[in-house]
Every structure is written in C-alpha cells, then in structure tokens.
Amino acid sequence: MIDLEQARPSPLTRQSMSGAVWLLSQTLAWKSVTLASQVVLAYLLSPADFGYISLALAVTAFGSVLYQNGLAHVLVQRRDKMSGLADQAFWLSMIMAAGATLILVAVAPIAGLLFKAPEVRNLIWVLAAAPLVDAASVVPRARLIADLEFAKTARINGAQIILQSLLSVLFAWLGFSYWSFAVPVPLASLVALGLYCRHHSLQVHGPRRSNDWPSLTRDTAYLVGTTWLTVIVEQGDYFLLGLLVAPSAVGVYFFAFRLSSQSVRIVAMNIGRVLFPVLVRLPIGSRRQYLAFVRAVRALSGVGVPIAVAGAIYGADIVGLLFAPRWQGAAPLLQILCIAAAIRTVTDTHIHLLKAQGRYRDLLRFNLVATPLFLVVVPLGAWTGGVVGVAWAVVVHAVASGWLRYFFSVRPVGGTFWELGRILTPPTAAAAVPGLLSMAVSSAWFGWQAPSAARMCLGLTVTAACYLPLLRVLSSETSEQVWAVLEHLLRPLRRRLGGAEQGTAGAQEATRTPEESRRT
C-alpha cells in the first residue's frame, strides 16, 4: 500500500505494506466487536446515558491535551536520539499527566453545574484516573512505533479496544447505567501499559540535565497548542449542544457520530500509525517522501471512503434494522456525518506528513485558522437547524478547513490545490453511483416502503460488484493501491492453499509405484 519505490519494492516498502495490511485486518476484527457492543449498549442504556458520557468525554478531552500531546511522535521523529531522550520524555509526560488529573478533578463540579447534570461530574472524576496510566506508556509505545513493530502495536491496541468494549457491555448488563462507559477506561489503559512494558521494559531514572530539553519542550509545546485547537473542533459540537438541548438529544448525536466515524476513523488511525514512522525514515521534503505519502493517501481513500459512502446512503436502514425505535432520530444525523467522515479520512492525513517533517509550527498555524472557522460555522448551524444544522456545519467545516490544510501541507513538496479532489472523487463516485442506482431500483421494485434488509442487501451487493471496475476506470492509480491492499490480505490464504496443494501432491507422490514415478 505504501509503495516507496517506483521500480521494485524495497524492504521498507514490504515491511510497511505488511504492517498496514496487518493493522487493517485487525481493524476489521476490532470493528466487529465495537459495533456489536454498540448495538448491545444501545439496547441496555438510554439516550441520556450516552449524552452524559459524551459531555464528560468532551470535558476530559481538554485535559487529555496535556498528556496526549504528541510526545511519542516527537520521540519517533528523533528516533536516533530516543535512548537519550527517554528519561526526559517520561518525566515530562508524567508531570503533564499529573497536571491534567488535578485540572479534571477541579473542573468536574463546574461541568456538572454548567450542563445541569451531576452525572457528568461523576464520570469526569472516574475518567481522571486514566491520564497517569496513559502517560507512563509514552516511551515504550514510541519505541515500538520507531522499530516498525506494527503487529505488536496492533495486538496491544486491539486488546485495549476489545477489553474496554466488553467491560462496558458487562457493566451495563449489571445495571451500572452511565458508569458503564467510564469505569472500563482506566482499567483497559492499565492492561495496555502492562502489554507495552512487556515488550519494552519501563526503566525509569531521575531527570537528567541535557541540551535536548529546550527543543523537546518547544516541539511538545507546539503539539500541545495544536491538540488544544483540535480538541475544540472535535468536542465543540458536544459542548454547544449540551448548553442548548437536553442530554438525551446530545446522546443521540453522540451515538450517530460514533457510528459514522468508527469504521473510517479507526482505519485511518491505524494506517496513520504505519504511515508516520515510514515517512520519518525517508529524506525530509524529498520527492520520494511525497510520493510515498500520496500513494498511502490513495490507498486510504480507496478503502475508507466507500465505507463512509455506504453509511451515508444506508444510514436510515442501518439504524432501523439494528437499533430500538428510540434511536431513530440518529438516522439523518448518521447519514450527514458519514459525509464528513469520508472527507476527513483523507484530509486528516496531512498531520502525519507534517509531523514526519518536523513542521510542528506549521501544524499549529493551520489549526489557528481552522478552529475560528469552526467556532463560526457550528453555532450558525445550531441557530438555523438545531442538531441537524450542527451536523451539516461539521460537514462544511470538514470540506473547507480540511481542503485548505491538506493543500498548504503538500504545497512545499510539490502538491497542488486540486490534488485532493483527484484523490477523493474516484472512490466517492465509484461507491455512490451503484449504491444510489440500486437504491432507486429497490424502491421501484419493492415500493418506497421497501424492507431495510432487502434494500441493503441489494445495494451492498451491487456496490461490491461494481466498485473496483468503476474505480479502475476513474483512477488507475487508486485502483492499483487498493489491489495492492487486497493482494496482501489474500497472500496468507494463498500460502495456506499452496501448502495444502503441496501436501496433497507429496502424499500422491509417496503412494506412486516406481513404474508410475518413472512415467511421470
């Protein structure tokens, strides 16, 4: 998928491809578990419970900036000095995590009063236990990323996600109501820390005097500022809705947003974990680095965009088929937010390029432009259209800010303004055209009140059959990257089949008579 050589694949290419496909296959397994847990939680809990946790997570996200500050990326970007920076990075991360915990404990009562929900206060107090655990894993996690140990990081991330999902379902079944979302978070983080330390032991020494402290602190400060602005964009819609509508309405929006973003964002996040350390190993600002980035983005768009397009087309059918009637208000929100998810799947990749090049100041500048735009568009959407208006405002912001940030990120290395359009349009059209046509056919066949299951089965079958041929016609470059992903996914199966055929041939050879062997 990340084809780094134009002629023949290099060892780094093969390693990055294998890592990306490994993470992609793991993502499909995680998604099945998280989707199943989402369905179960929707039956066990109320929209108000979802609203409480969405508001609590919005508050804790601002505190998480202090310890989820990109310090691991700084270490990977300076992998040659990682051994000398490990102690400084550990203590810097722990100090900032301790500050985050104290801040969250202090602001929890204020948040409860602001949203008129003491449940939000209680959830924040529980979630405040996670920062110190997460901060302790920064150095061992950075070592695994720098060593391109994609399989190990995939297993650890998968274990954390699956454990958190299963514990949430268990606590909800036991009657913990909204507590079911918060209690598993620090527990799963503690398990992940143990798994990271199993691969790279956490050897802690006292902070030492070093000439690297100023640069390490400076780059981390840039990333903290960037993350603060990102959190405003990521959580601002929940804050605004929490002030304007009831917690149950916020819960419906949160539920729709999670459904829309889980598939494509998890795919993008895991491929980004491969893309960043690979780009770091290439010459900064070189043509080779840029081409590797573009090919990875094409592969990501070819895999992630059709998932989001399917959600935009069949969102109402998905909600009607899988969830209770009290969640039907999430259907239009899911369809709208899937459009934003498709765009952000591609546009958010610029972050990995900027971090790999050490352009932390540029990353902060771009967010200084994107965040004020969000603060204008989203309140306007809430004022004109309520919850649905906020969803459309998120789409507008994703298009405008995402396009500009992507362009200004790739322009210094040869990118153009229309490059993003050439990447996004082919997979969008290849997935949307057969999906919409099959929707029209099913409506004409079964009537406008067609069963959701029949409409979805017909549409997804037609889309799956037509997607790759249409993508080949619209963009051969993107099609090649998608085929590369499929080839690596099917390679283990071909090896097993090949081994079985060889075993059968060997057994037949062993039963042959000498005369039959001579004839052969």
Protein backbone atom coordinates (compact mmCIF):
# COMPACT_ATOMS: atom_id res chain seq x y z
CA MET A 1 0.00 0.00 0.00
CA ILE A 2 2.80 2.41 0.83
CA ASP A 3 4.80 1.88 -2.34
CA LEU A 4 8.07 3.66 -1.69
CA GLU A 5 9.95 2.67 -4.84
CA GLN A 6 8.83 3.25 -8.38
CA ALA A 7 10.81 0.30 -9.77
CA ARG A 8 10.99 -2.57 -7.30
CA PRO A 9 9.76 -2.77 -3.71
CA SER A 10 12.35 -2.09 -1.04
CA PRO A 11 12.46 -3.92 2.31
CA LEU A 12 10.94 -0.82 3.91
CA THR A 13 8.11 -0.93 1.36
CA ARG A 14 7.34 -4.57 2.05
CA GLN A 15 7.54 -4.05 5.80
CA SER A 16 5.26 -1.02 5.72
CA MET A 17 2.80 -2.77 3.40
CA SER A 18 2.65 -5.80 5.64
CA GLY A 19 2.21 -3.58 8.68
CA ALA A 20 -0.58 -1.58 7.09
CA VAL A 21 -2.44 -4.68 5.95
CA TRP A 22 -1.94 -6.30 9.36
CA LEU A 23 -3.43 -3.27 11.06
CA LEU A 24 -6.26 -3.16 8.52
CA SER A 25 -7.17 -6.80 9.12
CA GLN A 26 -7.01 -6.23 12.88
CA THR A 27 -9.22 -3.17 12.44
CA LEU A 28 -11.94 -5.28 10.84
CA ALA A 29 -11.89 -7.59 13.86
CA TRP A 30 -11.97 -4.66 16.30
CA LYS A 31 -14.80 -3.06 14.38
CA SER A 32 -16.93 -6.18 14.58
CA VAL A 33 -16.51 -6.22 18.37
CA THR A 34 -17.11 -2.49 18.85
CA LEU A 35 -20.14 -2.50 16.55
CA ALA A 36 -21.63 -5.45 18.41
CA SER A 37 -21.00 -3.71 21.73
CA GLN A 38 -22.57 -0.53 20.35
CA VAL A 39 -25.71 -2.43 19.41
CA VAL A 40 -25.93 -4.11 22.82
CA LEU A 41 -25.29 -0.85 24.71
CA ALA A 42 -28.00 0.87 22.67
CA TYR A 43 -30.49 -1.69 24.00
CA LEU A 44 -29.22 -1.66 27.59
CA LEU A 45 -28.73 2.09 28.04
CA SER A 46 -30.78 5.20 27.33
CA PRO A 47 -30.00 8.19 25.09
CA ALA A 48 -29.49 10.23 28.27
CA ASP A 49 -26.72 7.84 29.37
CA PHE A 50 -24.99 8.38 26.03
CA GLY A 51 -25.45 12.11 26.49
CA TYR A 52 -23.77 12.10 29.90
CA ILE A 53 -20.69 10.27 28.66
CA SER A 54 -20.42 12.44 25.55
CA LEU A 55 -20.32 15.58 27.69
CA ALA A 56 -17.87 14.01 30.15
CA LEU A 57 -15.57 12.93 27.32
CA ALA A 58 -15.77 16.43 25.85
CA VAL A 59 -14.50 17.89 29.13
CA THR A 60 -11.80 15.27 29.68
CA ALA A 61 -10.58 15.74 26.12
CA PHE A 62 -9.31 19.20 27.04
CA GLY A 63 -7.42 17.75 29.99
CA SER A 64 -6.03 14.94 27.84
CA VAL A 65 -4.19 17.52 25.74
CA LEU A 66 -1.59 17.78 28.49
CA TYR A 67 -0.58 14.12 28.33
CA GLN A 68 -1.72 13.06 24.84
CA ASN A 69 0.48 15.81 23.47
CA GLY A 70 2.23 14.05 20.60
CA LEU A 71 5.37 13.47 22.65
CA ALA A 72 5.58 9.94 21.27
CA HIS A 73 5.66 11.39 17.74
CA VAL A 74 8.48 13.72 18.73
CA LEU A 75 10.46 10.72 20.00
CA VAL A 76 9.83 8.75 16.81
CA GLN A 77 10.80 11.74 14.69
CA ARG A 78 14.09 11.78 16.66
CA ARG A 79 14.50 8.04 16.83
CA ASP A 80 18.31 8.30 16.64
CA LYS A 81 18.32 10.13 19.99
CA MET A 82 15.47 8.20 21.61
CA SER A 83 17.66 6.43 24.18
CA GLY A 84 18.98 9.73 25.47
CA LEU A 85 15.57 11.40 25.42
CA ALA A 86 13.61 8.58 27.08
CA ASP A 87 14.02 9.79 30.67
CA GLN A 88 13.22 13.41 29.81
CA ALA A 89 10.18 12.33 27.80
CA PHE A 90 8.89 10.09 30.59
CA TRP A 91 9.11 12.75 33.29
CA LEU A 92 7.71 15.47 31.05
CA SER A 93 4.77 13.23 30.18
CA MET A 94 4.12 12.26 33.82
CA ILE A 95 4.27 15.86 35.05
CA MET A 96 1.78 16.98 32.42
CA ALA A 97 -0.48 13.99 33.15
CA ALA A 98 -0.49 14.83 36.85
CA GLY A 99 -1.49 18.37 35.96
CA ALA A 100 -4.28 17.03 33.74
CA THR A 101 -5.62 14.86 36.56
CA LEU A 102 -5.70 17.75 39.01
CA ILE A 103 -7.40 20.02 36.49
CA LEU A 104 -10.08 17.42 35.69
CA VAL A 105 -10.82 16.81 39.37
CA ALA A 106 -11.18 20.57 39.89
CA VAL A 107 -13.38 21.33 36.88
CA ALA A 108 -15.70 18.33 37.30
CA PRO A 109 -18.13 20.14 39.67
CA ILE A 110 -18.15 23.17 37.37
CA ALA A 111 -19.05 20.98 34.39
CA GLY A 112 -21.84 19.35 36.38
CA LEU A 113 -23.33 22.76 37.14
CA LEU A 114 -22.80 24.06 33.60
CA PHE A 115 -24.64 21.17 31.96
CA LYS A 116 -27.08 20.82 34.88
CA ALA A 117 -26.14 17.14 35.19
CA PRO A 118 -24.31 15.81 38.27
CA GLU A 119 -23.79 12.59 36.32
CA VAL A 120 -21.24 14.42 34.16
CA ARG A 121 -19.29 15.41 37.27
CA ASN A 122 -19.16 11.81 38.50
CA LEU A 123 -17.97 10.49 35.13
CA ILE A 124 -15.19 13.08 34.92
CA TRP A 125 -13.89 12.04 38.33
CA VAL A 126 -13.65 8.42 37.17
CA LEU A 127 -12.02 9.31 33.84
CA ALA A 128 -9.45 11.46 35.66
CA ALA A 129 -7.71 8.25 36.76
CA ALA A 130 -6.59 7.44 33.20
CA PRO A 131 -4.02 10.22 32.41
CA LEU A 132 -1.21 8.94 34.64
CA VAL A 133 -1.58 5.40 33.28
CA ASP A 134 -1.59 6.56 29.65
CA ALA A 135 1.37 8.88 30.20
CA ALA A 136 3.50 6.05 31.57
CA SER A 137 3.18 4.17 28.26
CA VAL A 138 4.51 7.00 26.07
CA VAL A 139 8.13 5.81 25.88
CA PRO A 140 7.54 2.06 25.34
CA ARG A 141 4.87 2.87 22.76
CA ALA A 142 7.24 5.21 20.91
CA ARG A 143 9.92 2.50 20.85
CA LEU A 144 7.55 0.03 19.21
CA ILE A 145 6.47 2.60 16.62
CA ALA A 146 10.04 3.60 15.81
CA ASP A 147 11.02 -0.06 15.36
CA LEU A 148 8.09 -0.54 12.91
CA GLU A 149 6.66 -3.24 15.19
CA PHE A 150 3.21 -2.91 13.66
CA ALA A 151 1.96 -6.36 14.62
CA LYS A 152 2.74 -5.81 18.30
CA THR A 153 1.14 -2.37 18.41
CA ALA A 154 -1.90 -3.78 16.62
CA ARG A 155 -2.31 -6.53 19.19
CA ILE A 156 -1.99 -4.10 22.10
CA ASN A 157 -4.42 -1.58 20.62
CA GLY A 158 -6.84 -4.37 19.77
CA ALA A 159 -6.67 -5.81 23.26
CA GLN A 160 -7.36 -2.39 24.78
CA ILE A 161 -10.32 -1.67 22.49
CA ILE A 162 -11.88 -5.12 22.87
CA LEU A 163 -11.42 -5.16 26.65
CA GLN A 164 -12.99 -1.72 27.01
CA SER A 165 -15.95 -2.70 24.81
CA LEU A 166 -16.59 -5.98 26.63
CA LEU A 167 -16.32 -4.38 30.06
CA SER A 168 -18.77 -1.65 29.02
CA VAL A 169 -21.30 -4.28 27.99
CA LEU A 170 -20.72 -6.25 31.19
CA PHE A 171 -21.19 -3.23 33.45
CA ALA A 172 -24.28 -2.13 31.51
CA TRP A 173 -25.77 -5.61 31.86
CA LEU A 174 -25.06 -5.50 35.60
CA GLY A 175 -27.02 -2.24 35.84
CA PHE A 176 -24.22 0.34 36.12
CA SER A 177 -26.07 2.66 33.65
CA TYR A 178 -23.87 5.58 32.56
CA TRP A 179 -20.96 4.33 34.70
CA SER A 180 -20.53 1.55 32.13
CA PHE A 181 -18.73 3.92 29.77
CA ALA A 182 -16.23 5.38 32.24
CA VAL A 183 -15.13 2.58 34.59
CA PRO A 184 -13.55 0.42 31.82
CA VAL A 185 -11.36 3.27 30.52
CA PRO A 186 -8.65 3.31 33.24
CA LEU A 187 -8.81 -0.49 33.54
CA ALA A 188 -8.15 -1.00 29.82
CA SER A 189 -5.38 1.62 29.89
CA LEU A 190 -3.69 -0.25 32.74
CA VAL A 191 -3.75 -3.50 30.76
CA ALA A 192 -2.31 -1.72 27.70
CA LEU A 193 0.51 -0.29 29.83
CA GLY A 194 1.39 -3.77 31.04
CA LEU A 195 1.49 -5.08 27.46
CA TYR A 196 3.70 -2.21 26.28
CA CYS A 197 6.12 -2.75 29.17
CA ARG A 198 6.23 -6.45 28.35
CA HIS A 199 7.88 -5.61 25.02
CA HIS A 200 9.94 -2.63 26.22
CA SER A 201 10.52 -2.52 29.95
CA LEU A 202 9.94 0.84 31.59
CA GLN A 203 13.35 1.74 33.02
CA VAL A 204 12.91 5.00 34.90
CA HIS A 205 15.79 7.20 36.02
CA GLY A 206 15.76 10.64 37.52
CA PRO A 207 15.52 13.58 35.11
CA ARG A 208 18.95 14.48 33.76
CA ARG A 209 20.33 17.75 32.53
CA SER A 210 20.53 17.70 28.77
CA ASN A 211 20.84 20.09 25.85
CA ASP A 212 17.80 18.39 24.29
CA TRP A 213 15.37 19.71 26.92
CA PRO A 214 14.69 23.07 25.17
CA SER A 215 13.98 21.57 21.74
CA LEU A 216 11.96 18.71 23.21
CA THR A 217 9.87 21.14 25.25
CA ARG A 218 9.45 23.51 22.29
CA ASP A 219 8.19 20.83 19.90
CA THR A 220 5.91 19.43 22.59
CA ALA A 221 4.53 22.93 23.23
CA TYR A 222 3.68 23.29 19.53
CA LEU A 223 1.87 19.96 19.63
CA VAL A 224 0.03 20.86 22.83
CA GLY A 225 -1.23 24.05 21.22
CA THR A 226 -2.23 22.15 18.10
CA THR A 227 -4.03 19.49 20.12
CA TRP A 228 -5.90 22.12 22.15
CA LEU A 229 -7.25 23.61 18.94
CA THR A 230 -8.06 20.16 17.57
CA VAL A 231 -10.00 19.28 20.71
CA ILE A 232 -12.07 22.45 20.33
CA VAL A 233 -13.07 21.23 16.88
CA GLU A 234 -13.56 17.61 17.97
CA GLN A 235 -15.62 18.40 21.08
CA GLY A 236 -17.07 21.85 20.41
CA ASP A 237 -20.28 20.49 18.91
CA TYR A 238 -20.97 18.45 22.06
CA PHE A 239 -20.33 21.47 24.28
CA LEU A 240 -22.66 23.62 22.23
CA LEU A 241 -25.43 21.03 22.15
CA GLY A 242 -25.00 20.38 25.87
CA LEU A 243 -25.80 24.03 26.53
CA LEU A 244 -28.77 24.16 24.15
CA VAL A 245 -30.59 20.82 24.29
CA ALA A 246 -31.35 18.00 26.73
CA PRO A 247 -28.76 15.28 27.46
CA SER A 248 -30.90 12.74 25.58
CA ALA A 249 -30.60 14.80 22.37
CA VAL A 250 -26.85 15.09 22.88
CA GLY A 251 -26.76 11.33 23.36
CA VAL A 252 -28.49 10.73 20.03
CA TYR A 253 -25.98 13.00 18.27
CA PHE A 254 -23.06 11.29 20.05
CA PHE A 255 -24.45 7.89 19.09
CA ALA A 256 -24.72 8.90 15.41
CA PHE A 257 -21.25 10.45 15.40
CA ARG A 258 -19.68 7.30 16.84
CA LEU A 259 -21.39 5.13 14.24
CA SER A 260 -20.32 7.41 11.39
CA SER A 261 -16.71 7.70 12.43
CA GLN A 262 -15.84 4.35 13.98
CA SER A 263 -15.12 2.44 10.77
CA VAL A 264 -13.28 5.01 8.69
CA ARG A 265 -11.54 6.78 11.57
CA ILE A 266 -10.21 3.53 13.01
CA VAL A 267 -8.94 2.54 9.55
CA ALA A 268 -7.34 5.97 9.11
CA MET A 269 -5.84 5.92 12.61
CA ASN A 270 -4.20 2.54 12.15
CA ILE A 271 -2.87 3.28 8.68
CA GLY A 272 -1.52 6.54 10.09
CA ARG A 273 0.40 4.53 12.67
CA VAL A 274 2.19 2.87 9.76
CA LEU A 275 2.50 5.96 7.58
CA PHE A 276 4.16 8.24 10.14
CA PRO A 277 7.15 6.03 11.09
CA VAL A 278 7.70 5.12 7.43
CA LEU A 279 7.74 8.77 6.33
CA VAL A 280 10.16 9.59 9.15
CA ARG A 281 12.68 7.15 7.63
CA LEU A 282 12.61 8.90 4.23
CA PRO A 283 14.55 12.08 3.37
CA ILE A 284 12.60 15.06 4.72
CA GLY A 285 10.95 17.12 1.98
CA SER A 286 12.13 14.75 -0.76
CA ARG A 287 10.12 13.71 -3.78
CA ARG A 288 10.30 10.13 -2.58
CA GLN A 289 8.66 11.06 0.73
CA TYR A 290 5.91 12.98 -1.06
CA LEU A 291 5.16 10.12 -3.48
CA ALA A 292 5.01 7.65 -0.59
CA PHE A 293 2.54 9.93 1.17
CA VAL A 294 0.30 10.34 -1.90
CA ARG A 295 0.19 6.61 -2.57
CA ALA A 296 -0.74 5.92 1.03
CA VAL A 297 -3.50 8.55 0.86
CA ARG A 298 -4.85 7.00 -2.34
CA ALA A 299 -4.92 3.58 -0.71
CA LEU A 300 -6.67 5.01 2.34
CA SER A 301 -9.28 6.78 0.22
CA GLY A 302 -9.90 3.64 -1.81
CA VAL A 303 -10.56 1.62 1.34
CA GLY A 304 -12.12 4.14 3.73
CA VAL A 305 -14.26 6.38 1.51
CA PRO A 306 -16.64 3.64 0.24
CA ILE A 307 -17.35 2.62 3.84
CA ALA A 308 -18.43 6.17 4.66
CA VAL A 309 -20.42 6.47 1.42
CA ALA A 310 -22.32 3.29 2.30
CA GLY A 311 -23.16 4.81 5.68
CA ALA A 312 -24.42 7.99 4.02
CA ILE A 313 -26.69 6.03 1.67
CA TYR A 314 -27.94 3.30 4.01
CA GLY A 315 -27.75 5.11 7.36
CA ALA A 316 -31.51 5.09 7.88
CA ASP A 317 -31.69 1.37 7.05
CA ILE A 318 -28.83 0.57 9.44
CA VAL A 319 -30.48 2.39 12.35
CA GLY A 320 -33.92 0.95 11.59
CA LEU A 321 -32.61 -2.59 11.27
CA LEU A 322 -30.22 -2.79 14.23
CA PHE A 323 -31.47 -0.38 16.89
CA ALA A 324 -34.54 0.26 19.01
CA PRO A 325 -37.14 2.87 17.97
CA ARG A 326 -35.81 5.40 20.49
CA TRP A 327 -32.69 5.76 18.30
CA GLN A 328 -34.49 6.55 15.04
CA GLY A 329 -33.61 10.23 15.40
CA ALA A 330 -29.98 9.27 14.80
CA ALA A 331 -30.68 8.12 11.21
CA PRO A 332 -30.46 11.51 9.41
CA LEU A 333 -27.54 12.54 11.62
CA LEU A 334 -25.67 9.35 10.72
CA GLN A 335 -26.16 9.96 7.00
CA ILE A 336 -24.94 13.56 7.22
CA LEU A 337 -21.96 12.83 9.47
CA CYS A 338 -20.81 9.99 7.21
CA ILE A 339 -20.16 12.65 4.54
CA ALA A 340 -17.83 14.46 6.93
CA ALA A 341 -16.18 11.16 7.86
CA ALA A 342 -15.42 10.40 4.20
CA ILE A 343 -13.73 13.77 3.75
CA ARG A 344 -11.76 13.66 7.00
CA THR A 345 -10.49 10.18 6.23
CA VAL A 346 -8.30 11.74 3.55
CA THR A 347 -7.76 15.32 4.73
CA ASP A 348 -6.53 14.37 8.22
CA THR A 349 -3.56 12.52 6.71
CA HIS A 350 -1.71 15.83 6.36
CA ILE A 351 -0.96 15.61 10.08
CA HIS A 352 1.33 12.61 9.55
CA LEU A 353 3.27 14.36 6.79
CA LEU A 354 3.81 17.50 8.87
CA LYS A 355 4.90 15.54 11.95
CA ALA A 356 7.27 13.38 9.90
CA GLN A 357 8.89 16.55 8.53
CA GLY A 358 9.06 18.17 11.97
CA ARG A 359 6.80 21.04 10.82
CA TYR A 360 5.09 21.44 14.18
CA ARG A 361 4.84 25.21 13.86
CA ASP A 362 3.00 24.89 10.54
CA LEU A 363 0.63 22.39 12.11
CA LEU A 364 -0.19 24.92 14.83
CA ARG A 365 -0.69 27.71 12.28
CA PHE A 366 -3.11 25.67 10.19
CA ASN A 367 -5.21 24.89 13.25
CA LEU A 368 -5.22 28.57 14.23
CA VAL A 369 -7.15 29.14 11.01
CA ALA A 370 -9.39 26.06 11.15
CA THR A 371 -10.59 26.50 14.73
CA PRO A 372 -12.07 30.03 14.36
CA LEU A 373 -13.88 28.80 11.23
CA PHE A 374 -15.41 26.02 13.31
CA LEU A 375 -16.47 28.48 16.02
CA VAL A 376 -18.36 30.47 13.39
CA VAL A 377 -19.91 27.69 11.32
CA VAL A 378 -21.17 25.35 14.06
CA PRO A 379 -23.06 27.95 16.17
CA LEU A 380 -24.60 29.23 12.95
CA GLY A 381 -25.72 25.69 12.11
CA ALA A 382 -27.18 25.22 15.60
CA TRP A 383 -29.05 28.52 15.34
CA THR A 384 -30.56 27.73 11.94
CA GLY A 385 -31.15 23.98 12.15
CA GLY A 386 -30.69 22.67 15.67
CA VAL A 387 -28.98 19.29 15.98
CA VAL A 388 -29.28 18.59 12.24
CA GLY A 389 -27.85 22.02 11.50
CA VAL A 390 -24.82 21.23 13.67
CA ALA A 391 -24.26 18.04 11.67
CA TRP A 392 -24.31 19.95 8.37
CA ALA A 393 -21.97 22.57 9.86
CA VAL A 394 -19.49 19.79 10.67
CA VAL A 395 -19.60 18.76 7.00
CA VAL A 396 -18.99 22.33 5.81
CA HIS A 397 -16.06 22.73 8.18
CA ALA A 398 -14.58 19.38 7.13
CA VAL A 399 -14.63 20.43 3.47
CA ALA A 400 -13.34 23.98 3.88
CA SER A 401 -10.70 23.58 6.57
CA GLY A 402 -9.65 20.08 5.55
CA TRP A 403 -9.05 21.05 1.94
CA LEU A 404 -7.01 24.12 2.82
CA ARG A 405 -4.90 22.35 5.45
CA TYR A 406 -4.15 19.50 3.08
CA PHE A 407 -3.15 21.88 0.28
CA PHE A 408 -0.82 24.00 2.40
CA SER A 409 0.75 20.83 3.80
CA VAL A 410 1.65 19.31 0.42
CA ARG A 411 2.41 22.53 -1.49
CA PRO A 412 6.07 22.79 -0.29
CA VAL A 413 6.76 19.26 -1.58
CA GLY A 414 5.02 19.58 -4.95
CA GLY A 415 1.31 19.21 -4.20
CA THR A 416 -1.41 21.19 -5.98
CA PHE A 417 -4.74 22.68 -4.91
CA TRP A 418 -6.81 20.19 -6.92
CA GLU A 419 -4.86 17.13 -5.80
CA LEU A 420 -7.30 16.33 -3.00
CA GLY A 421 -10.23 16.44 -5.43
CA ARG A 422 -8.49 13.99 -7.75
CA ILE A 423 -7.95 11.65 -4.80
CA LEU A 424 -11.45 11.90 -3.27
CA THR A 425 -13.66 11.95 -6.36
CA PRO A 426 -12.96 8.49 -7.90
CA PRO A 427 -13.73 6.31 -4.84
CA THR A 428 -16.70 8.52 -3.94
CA ALA A 429 -18.23 8.20 -7.40
CA ALA A 430 -17.39 4.50 -7.71
CA ALA A 431 -19.24 3.77 -4.46
CA ALA A 432 -22.08 6.31 -4.71
CA VAL A 433 -23.26 5.66 -8.28
CA PRO A 434 -24.04 1.92 -7.92
CA GLY A 435 -25.34 2.49 -4.40
CA LEU A 436 -27.82 5.18 -5.44
CA LEU A 437 -28.88 3.25 -8.55
CA SER A 438 -29.54 0.11 -6.53
CA MET A 439 -31.50 2.21 -4.02
CA ALA A 440 -33.68 3.51 -6.86
CA VAL A 441 -34.15 0.01 -8.28
CA SER A 442 -35.10 -1.48 -4.92
CA SER A 443 -37.56 1.36 -4.31
CA ALA A 444 -39.14 0.77 -7.71
CA TRP A 445 -39.19 -2.99 -7.16
CA PHE A 446 -40.42 -3.18 -3.57
CA GLY A 447 -42.02 0.25 -3.40
CA TRP A 448 -40.85 3.20 -1.33
CA GLN A 449 -41.60 1.21 1.82
CA ALA A 450 -39.06 -1.44 0.85
CA PRO A 451 -37.75 -3.62 3.72
CA SER A 452 -34.47 -2.29 5.07
CA ALA A 453 -32.75 -5.68 4.89
CA ALA A 454 -33.71 -6.24 1.24
CA ARG A 455 -32.67 -2.74 0.21
CA MET A 456 -29.33 -3.01 1.98
CA CYS A 457 -28.54 -6.49 0.64
CA LEU A 458 -29.27 -5.46 -2.94
CA GLY A 459 -27.38 -2.18 -2.66
CA LEU A 460 -24.29 -3.56 -0.97
CA THR A 461 -24.11 -6.49 -3.39
CA VAL A 462 -24.31 -4.24 -6.44
CA THR A 463 -21.82 -1.76 -4.97
CA ALA A 464 -19.34 -4.51 -4.07
CA ALA A 465 -19.54 -5.94 -7.60
CA CYS A 466 -19.19 -2.60 -9.39
CA TYR A 467 -16.80 -0.68 -7.12
CA LEU A 468 -13.41 -1.96 -8.27
CA PRO A 469 -14.22 -1.94 -12.02
CA LEU A 470 -15.55 1.61 -11.78
CA LEU A 471 -12.59 2.70 -9.68
CA ARG A 472 -10.24 1.25 -12.31
CA VAL A 473 -11.91 3.39 -14.97
CA LEU A 474 -11.95 6.56 -12.88
CA SER A 475 -8.47 6.31 -11.32
CA SER A 476 -5.97 3.61 -12.20
CA GLU A 477 -3.56 4.91 -9.51
CA THR A 478 -6.07 4.49 -6.67
CA SER A 479 -7.20 1.16 -8.09
CA GLU A 480 -3.63 -0.15 -8.07
CA GLN A 481 -3.20 0.79 -4.41
CA VAL A 482 -6.49 -0.92 -3.44
CA TRP A 483 -5.49 -4.05 -5.36
CA ALA A 484 -2.17 -4.00 -3.51
CA VAL A 485 -4.06 -4.00 -0.22
CA LEU A 486 -6.26 -6.90 -1.36
CA GLU A 487 -3.23 -8.81 -2.61
CA HIS A 488 -1.53 -8.57 0.76
CA LEU A 489 -4.75 -9.50 2.55
CA LEU A 490 -5.16 -12.64 0.40
CA ARG A 491 -1.49 -13.63 0.44
CA PRO A 492 -1.69 -15.66 3.70
CA LEU A 493 -4.73 -17.54 2.31
CA ARG A 494 -2.87 -18.32 -0.93
CA ARG A 495 0.09 -19.59 1.06
CA ARG A 496 -2.12 -21.91 3.07
CA LEU A 497 -3.82 -23.21 -0.06
CA GLY A 498 -0.44 -23.63 -1.72
CA GLY A 499 0.83 -25.56 1.27
CA ALA A 500 -2.24 -27.79 1.18
CA GLU A 501 -1.74 -28.46 -2.54
CA GLN A 502 1.92 -29.28 -1.96
CA GLY A 503 0.96 -31.63 0.86
CA THR A 504 -1.57 -33.39 -1.38
CA ALA A 505 0.98 -33.68 -4.17
CA GLY A 506 3.53 -35.10 -1.72
CA ALA A 507 1.06 -37.68 -0.47
CA GLN A 508 0.24 -38.73 -4.03
CA GLU A 509 3.94 -38.99 -4.83
CA ALA A 510 4.50 -41.20 -1.80
CA THR A 511 1.81 -43.68 -2.93
CA ARG A 512 3.09 -43.98 -6.50
CA THR A 513 4.77 -47.13 -7.67
CA PRO A 514 8.31 -46.92 -9.13
CA GLU A 515 6.85 -47.50 -12.58
CA GLU A 516 4.39 -44.57 -12.23
CA SER A 517 7.17 -42.34 -10.97
CA ARG A 518 9.33 -43.17 -13.98
CA ARG A 519 6.46 -42.36 -16.36
CA THR A 520 5.89 -39.03 -14.59
